[in-house]
Amino acid sequence: MTKKDLNDKKAVLTFDGKKYIMEDLSEEIKEIIKSLQIADAQLKMHEDTLKLLSIGKNSLINDLRKKLEDN
């Protein structure tokens, strides 16, 4: 493999088992892909937030349990 071959690697989208060269896709398709990436990032952020809320809730439950036992 030559240096030129290494530099000619193109970004590929694999979707529903098919491969598409990104630079060959329309701008509309690229915008949809970008929107999907943003949606994925937001889902991850909200999943992390839910985990933190769950940890906080469990901590409050444990605090309540301890306070009731000490009462």
Protein backbone atom coordinates (compact mmCIF):
# COMPACT_ATOMS: atom_id res chain seq x y z
CA MET A 1 0.00 0.00 0.00
CA THR A 2 1.45 3.36 -0.98
CA LYS A 3 1.28 6.59 0.99
CA LYS A 4 -1.24 7.90 -1.55
CA ASP A 5 -3.48 4.85 -0.88
CA LEU A 6 -3.42 5.60 2.85
CA ASN A 7 -4.41 9.22 2.25
CA ASP A 8 -7.25 8.24 -0.10
CA LYS A 9 -9.29 6.54 2.64
CA LYS A 10 -12.80 7.91 2.49
CA ALA A 11 -15.36 8.16 5.28
CA VAL A 12 -17.97 5.44 4.92
CA LEU A 13 -21.48 5.27 6.36
CA THR A 14 -22.78 1.79 7.05
CA PHE A 15 -26.57 1.78 7.31
CA ASP A 16 -28.93 -1.19 7.13
CA GLY A 17 -26.04 -3.40 6.06
CA LYS A 18 -25.07 -1.19 3.12
CA LYS A 19 -21.99 1.02 2.80
CA TYR A 20 -22.10 4.55 1.44
CA ILE A 21 -19.17 6.88 0.75
CA MET A 22 -19.92 10.04 2.72
CA GLU A 23 -18.61 12.50 0.15
CA ASP A 24 -20.98 11.01 -2.44
CA LEU A 25 -24.07 11.69 -0.31
CA SER A 26 -26.28 14.73 -0.81
CA GLU A 27 -26.13 17.66 1.59
CA GLU A 28 -29.64 16.79 2.77
CA ILE A 29 -28.51 13.30 3.77
CA LYS A 30 -25.42 14.69 5.47
CA GLU A 31 -27.63 17.06 7.50
CA ILE A 32 -29.83 14.15 8.57
CA ILE A 33 -26.74 12.22 9.66
CA LYS A 34 -25.51 15.27 11.61
CA SER A 35 -28.93 15.56 13.29
CA LEU A 36 -28.79 11.87 14.24
CA GLN A 37 -25.36 12.39 15.79
CA ILE A 38 -26.67 15.33 17.82
CA ALA A 39 -29.69 13.28 18.93
CA ASP A 40 -27.39 10.44 20.03
CA ALA A 41 -25.24 12.86 22.03
CA GLN A 42 -28.30 14.37 23.71
CA LEU A 43 -29.68 10.92 24.55
CA LYS A 44 -26.37 10.00 26.16
CA MET A 45 -26.35 13.23 28.15
CA HIS A 46 -29.89 12.64 29.41
CA GLU A 47 -29.14 9.01 30.26
CA ASP A 48 -26.21 10.22 32.36
CA THR A 49 -28.46 12.81 34.02
CA LEU A 50 -31.00 10.09 34.87
CA LYS A 51 -28.24 7.99 36.42
CA LEU A 52 -27.17 10.92 38.59
CA LEU A 53 -30.78 11.59 39.64
CA SER A 54 -31.20 7.93 40.54
CA ILE A 55 -28.05 8.01 42.68
CA GLY A 56 -29.29 11.16 44.42
CA LYS A 57 -32.72 9.63 45.02
CA ASN A 58 -31.19 6.49 46.49
CA SER A 59 -29.04 8.63 48.77
CA LEU A 60 -32.10 10.53 50.00
CA ILE A 61 -33.96 7.26 50.61
CA ASN A 62 -31.02 5.97 52.64
CA ASP A 63 -30.88 9.24 54.61
CA LEU A 64 -34.61 9.03 55.33
CA ARG A 65 -34.32 5.40 56.40
CA LYS A 66 -31.48 6.23 58.79
CA LYS A 67 -33.28 9.27 60.24
CA LEU A 68 -36.47 7.25 60.80
CA GLU A 69 -34.53 4.46 62.50
CA ASP A 70 -32.79 6.99 64.79
CA ASN A 71 -36.08 8.72 65.62
